C-alpha atoms as a PDB file:
ATOM      1  CA  MET A   1      34.216  18.269 -34.125  1.00  0.00           C
ATOM      2  CA  GLU A   2      30.850  19.962 -34.467  1.00  0.00           C
ATOM      3  CA  ARG A   3      29.378  16.881 -36.166  1.00  0.00           C
ATOM      4  CA  ILE A   4      30.600  14.666 -33.325  1.00  0.00           C
ATOM      5  CA  ARG A   5      28.855  16.897 -30.759  1.00  0.00           C
ATOM      6  CA  LYS A   6      25.584  16.821 -32.720  1.00  0.00           C
ATOM      7  CA  TYR A   7      25.806  13.047 -33.129  1.00  0.00           C
ATOM      8  CA  PHE A   8      26.533  12.594 -29.423  1.00  0.00           C
ATOM      9  CA  LEU A   9      23.610  14.864 -28.509  1.00  0.00           C
ATOM     10  CA  ILE A  10      21.229  12.930 -30.781  1.00  0.00           C
ATOM     11  CA  VAL A  11      22.318   9.580 -29.323  1.00  0.00           C
ATOM     12  CA  LEU A  12      22.005  10.903 -25.779  1.00  0.00           C
ATOM     13  CA  CYS A  13      18.480  12.246 -26.408  1.00  0.00           C
ATOM     14  CA  SER A  14      17.329   9.015 -28.053  1.00  0.00           C
ATOM     15  CA  LEU A  15      18.619   6.973 -25.091  1.00  0.00           C
ATOM     16  CA  PHE A  16      16.809   9.293 -22.690  1.00  0.00           C
ATOM     17  CA  PHE A  17      13.476   8.998 -24.501  1.00  0.00           C
ATOM     18  CA  ALA A  18      13.838   5.227 -24.905  1.00  0.00           C
ATOM     19  CA  GLY A  19      14.437   4.900 -21.159  1.00  0.00           C
ATOM     20  CA  ALA A  20      11.384   7.024 -20.399  1.00  0.00           C
ATOM     21  CA  ALA A  21       9.221   4.833 -22.642  1.00  0.00           C
ATOM     22  CA  VAL A  22      10.423   1.643 -20.931  1.00  0.00           C
ATOM     23  CA  ASN A  23       9.792   3.189 -17.499  1.00  0.00           C
ATOM     24  CA  ALA A  24       6.226   4.158 -18.484  1.00  0.00           C
ATOM     25  CA  GLU A  25       5.483   0.571 -19.502  1.00  0.00           C
ATOM     26  CA  GLU A  26       6.692  -0.769 -16.152  1.00  0.00           C
ATOM     27  CA  THR A  27       4.398   1.453 -14.073  1.00  0.00           C
ATOM     28  CA  GLY A  28       1.197  -0.014 -15.524  1.00  0.00           C
ATOM     29  CA  LEU A  29      -1.228   2.649 -16.704  1.00  0.00           C
ATOM     30  CA  SER A  30       0.243   5.512 -18.664  1.00  0.00           C
ATOM     31  CA  LEU A  31      -1.023   9.067 -18.470  1.00  0.00           C
ATOM     32  CA  SER A  32      -2.825   8.785 -21.801  1.00  0.00           C
ATOM     33  CA  THR A  33      -4.588   5.635 -20.583  1.00  0.00           C
ATOM     34  CA  LEU A  34      -5.780   7.371 -17.408  1.00  0.00           C
ATOM     35  CA  VAL A  35      -7.262  10.411 -19.164  1.00  0.00           C
ATOM     36  CA  THR A  36      -8.661   8.737 -22.299  1.00  0.00           C
ATOM     37  CA  PRO A  37     -12.343   7.789 -21.921  1.00  0.00           C
ATOM     38  CA  GLN A  38     -12.875   4.042 -22.158  1.00  0.00           C
ATOM     39  CA  ASN A  39     -15.175   1.343 -20.827  1.00  0.00           C
ATOM     40  CA  VAL A  40     -14.258   0.871 -17.180  1.00  0.00           C
ATOM     41  CA  PRO A  41     -15.187  -2.481 -15.585  1.00  0.00           C
ATOM     42  CA  PHE A  42     -17.347  -2.334 -12.460  1.00  0.00           C
ATOM     43  CA  GLU A  43     -14.632  -4.146 -10.481  1.00  0.00           C
ATOM     44  CA  HIS A  44     -12.393  -1.069 -10.858  1.00  0.00           C
ATOM     45  CA  CYS A  45     -15.100   1.103  -9.297  1.00  0.00           C
ATOM     46  CA  THR A  46     -15.143  -0.642  -5.897  1.00  0.00           C
ATOM     47  CA  ARG A  47     -12.469  -1.010  -3.254  1.00  0.00           C
ATOM     48  CA  ILE A  48     -12.429  -2.210   0.361  1.00  0.00           C
ATOM     49  CA  TYR A  49     -10.417  -0.212   2.904  1.00  0.00           C
ATOM     50  CA  PRO A  50      -9.349  -1.246   6.410  1.00  0.00           C
ATOM     51  CA  MET A  51     -10.954   1.766   8.119  1.00  0.00           C
ATOM     52  CA  LYS A  52     -14.247   2.751   9.644  1.00  0.00           C
ATOM     53  CA  PRO A  53     -16.900   4.197   7.299  1.00  0.00           C
ATOM     54  CA  GLU A  54     -16.812   7.619   8.976  1.00  0.00           C
ATOM     55  CA  LYS A  55     -13.119   8.009   8.267  1.00  0.00           C
ATOM     56  CA  LEU A  56     -13.536   6.718   4.710  1.00  0.00           C
ATOM     57  CA  PHE A  57     -16.330   9.251   4.163  1.00  0.00           C
ATOM     58  CA  TYR A  58     -14.082  12.145   5.210  1.00  0.00           C
ATOM     59  CA  MET A  59     -11.132  10.771   3.226  1.00  0.00           C
ATOM     60  CA  THR A  60     -13.351  10.552   0.129  1.00  0.00           C
ATOM     61  CA  ILE A  61     -14.461  14.159   0.553  1.00  0.00           C
ATOM     62  CA  ALA A  62     -10.831  15.230   0.946  1.00  0.00           C
ATOM     63  CA  SER A  63      -9.848  13.229  -2.143  1.00  0.00           C
ATOM     64  CA  ILE A  64     -12.618  14.772  -4.257  1.00  0.00           C
ATOM     65  CA  ASN A  65     -11.494  18.206  -3.112  1.00  0.00           C
ATOM     66  CA  ALA A  66      -7.792  17.474  -3.717  1.00  0.00           C
ATOM     67  CA  ASN A  67      -8.511  16.258  -7.251  1.00  0.00           C
ATOM     68  CA  ARG A  68     -10.447  19.500  -7.921  1.00  0.00           C
ATOM     69  CA  PHE A  69     -13.709  17.721  -8.633  1.00  0.00           C
ATOM     70  CA  GLU A  70     -16.905  19.601  -7.838  1.00  0.00           C
ATOM     71  CA  PRO A  71     -18.915  18.182  -4.912  1.00  0.00           C
ATOM     72  CA  LEU A  72     -22.626  18.588  -5.586  1.00  0.00           C
ATOM     73  CA  GLU A  73     -24.283  16.879  -2.628  1.00  0.00           C
ATOM     74  CA  MET A  74     -23.155  15.074   0.527  1.00  0.00           C
ATOM     75  CA  GLN A  75     -25.144  12.944   2.933  1.00  0.00           C
ATOM     76  CA  SER A  76     -23.109  11.739   5.895  1.00  0.00           C
ATOM     77  CA  LYS A  77     -25.891   9.669   7.471  1.00  0.00           C
ATOM     78  CA  THR A  78     -26.396   7.446   4.425  1.00  0.00           C
ATOM     79  CA  GLY A  79     -22.754   7.768   3.338  1.00  0.00           C
ATOM     80  CA  TYR A  80     -22.932   9.091  -0.190  1.00  0.00           C
ATOM     81  CA  ILE A  81     -21.288  11.926  -2.075  1.00  0.00           C
ATOM     82  CA  LEU A  82     -22.485  13.191  -5.430  1.00  0.00           C
ATOM     83  CA  PHE A  83     -19.751  14.962  -7.399  1.00  0.00           C
ATOM     84  CA  ASN A  84     -19.014  16.251 -10.873  1.00  0.00           C
ATOM     85  CA  ALA A  85     -15.790  15.338 -12.699  1.00  0.00           C
ATOM     86  CA  VAL A  86     -15.043  16.156 -16.337  1.00  0.00           C
ATOM     87  CA  ASN A  87     -18.675  17.176 -17.000  1.00  0.00           C
ATOM     88  CA  LYS A  88     -19.989  13.844 -15.705  1.00  0.00           C
ATOM     89  CA  GLU A  89     -21.719  13.110 -12.402  1.00  0.00           C
ATOM     90  CA  PHE A  90     -20.479  10.351 -10.111  1.00  0.00           C
ATOM     91  CA  LEU A  91     -21.846   8.840  -6.922  1.00  0.00           C
ATOM     92  CA  ALA A  92     -19.403   7.788  -4.220  1.00  0.00           C
ATOM     93  CA  SER A  93     -21.050   5.384  -1.755  1.00  0.00           C
ATOM     94  CA  ILE A  94     -19.447   4.288   1.485  1.00  0.00           C
ATOM     95  CA  ILE A  95     -20.681   0.920   2.744  1.00  0.00           C
ATOM     96  CA  ASN A  96     -19.910  -0.670   6.104  1.00  0.00           C
ATOM     97  CA  VAL A  97     -18.523  -4.188   5.507  1.00  0.00           C
ATOM     98  CA  ASP A  98     -17.718  -5.169   9.114  1.00  0.00           C
ATOM     99  CA  ASN A  99     -16.310  -3.556  12.274  1.00  0.00           C
ATOM    100  CA  ALA A 100     -12.892  -2.838  10.779  1.00  0.00           C
ATOM    101  CA  ASN A 101     -13.530  -2.564   7.017  1.00  0.00           C
ATOM    102  CA  SER A 102     -15.644  -0.432   4.715  1.00  0.00           C
ATOM    103  CA  MET A 103     -16.121  -0.293   0.971  1.00  0.00           C
ATOM    104  CA  LEU A 104     -15.974   2.690  -1.368  1.00  0.00           C
ATOM    105  CA  LYS A 105     -17.986   2.385  -4.557  1.00  0.00           C
ATOM    106  CA  ILE A 106     -17.675   5.131  -7.202  1.00  0.00           C
ATOM    107  CA  THR A 107     -20.158   4.828 -10.054  1.00  0.00           C
ATOM    108  CA  PRO A 108     -21.434   7.180 -12.756  1.00  0.00           C
ATOM    109  CA  THR A 109     -24.964   8.369 -12.080  1.00  0.00           C
ATOM    110  CA  ASN A 110     -26.158   7.570 -15.618  1.00  0.00           C
ATOM    111  CA  ASN A 111     -24.766   3.966 -15.477  1.00  0.00           C
ATOM    112  CA  ASN A 112     -22.619   4.653 -18.536  1.00  0.00           C
ATOM    113  CA  TYR A 113     -19.209   3.275 -17.616  1.00  0.00           C
ATOM    114  CA  TYR A 114     -17.458   4.986 -20.527  1.00  0.00           C
ATOM    115  CA  PHE A 115     -15.244   7.531 -18.756  1.00  0.00           C
ATOM    116  CA  ALA A 116     -11.604   8.217 -17.943  1.00  0.00           C
ATOM    117  CA  PRO A 117     -10.393   5.633 -15.387  1.00  0.00           C
ATOM    118  CA  GLY A 118      -8.111   8.247 -13.837  1.00  0.00           C
ATOM    119  CA  ILE A 119     -11.121   9.782 -12.100  1.00  0.00           C
ATOM    120  CA  VAL A 120     -11.602   6.699  -9.944  1.00  0.00           C
ATOM    121  CA  SER A 121      -7.940   5.745  -9.603  1.00  0.00           C
ATOM    122  CA  ASN A 122      -6.898   9.238  -8.450  1.00  0.00           C
ATOM    123  CA  ILE A 123      -9.449   9.119  -5.642  1.00  0.00           C
ATOM    124  CA  TYR A 124      -8.176   5.687  -4.596  1.00  0.00           C
ATOM    125  CA  LYS A 125      -4.542   6.834  -4.755  1.00  0.00           C
ATOM    126  CA  TYR A 126      -5.261   9.781  -2.466  1.00  0.00           C
ATOM    127  CA  ILE A 127      -6.992   7.566   0.086  1.00  0.00           C
ATOM    128  CA  ASP A 128      -4.180   4.997  -0.128  1.00  0.00           C
ATOM    129  CA  MET A 129      -1.607   7.733   0.457  1.00  0.00           C
ATOM    130  CA  TYR A 130      -3.312   9.557   3.326  1.00  0.00           C
ATOM    131  CA  GLY A 131      -5.535   6.832   4.788  1.00  0.00           C
ATOM    132  CA  ALA A 132      -3.188   6.098   7.678  1.00  0.00           C
ATOM    133  CA  THR A 133      -3.331   9.735   8.820  1.00  0.00           C
ATOM    134  CA  PRO A 134      -5.448  10.063  11.956  1.00  0.00           C
ATOM    135  CA  LEU A 135      -8.467  12.354  11.874  1.00  0.00           C
ATOM    136  CA  THR A 136      -8.223  15.389  14.124  1.00  0.00           C
ATOM    137  CA  GLU A 137     -11.028  17.609  15.268  1.00  0.00           C
ATOM    138  CA  VAL A 138     -10.683  21.261  14.331  1.00  0.00           C
ATOM    139  CA  LYS A 139     -11.965  23.435  17.140  1.00  0.00           C
ATOM    140  CA  PRO A 140     -13.518  26.809  16.353  1.00  0.00           C
ATOM    141  CA  ALA A 141     -11.512  29.886  17.206  1.00  0.00           C
ATOM    142  CA  GLN A 142     -12.319  31.622  20.486  1.00  0.00           C
ATOM    143  CA  GLN A 143     -13.770  35.089  20.038  1.00  0.00           C
END
């Protein structure tokens, strides 16, 4: 009886792990792919969003903060953010495409595109998730 329980437990665990491996293949990029440094094509570093550049600028700042990257310098007039992620500096540039669209371009400052693609994709995921949220003005507290 004890051997049957052990055999059943082994079969159950192997089915669980096999299902997890199949599920990871269906989602596209696995966790190890996102965190392993590799050559990232320039096309993966740009994305067009259907929002005004001001909103995209604030969403990019929020995404950098949410991903626990270190912002080094921000310039709202020209629309760029310099930040540090995994001991590497990146430049996020917001470009006005037309009245309704703007582009976010995230590039390494040393033009070496050998880095973990999760840095860029996590910023895009955050903006995709919270981009429809309207911006609200925070008023200072009355003293």
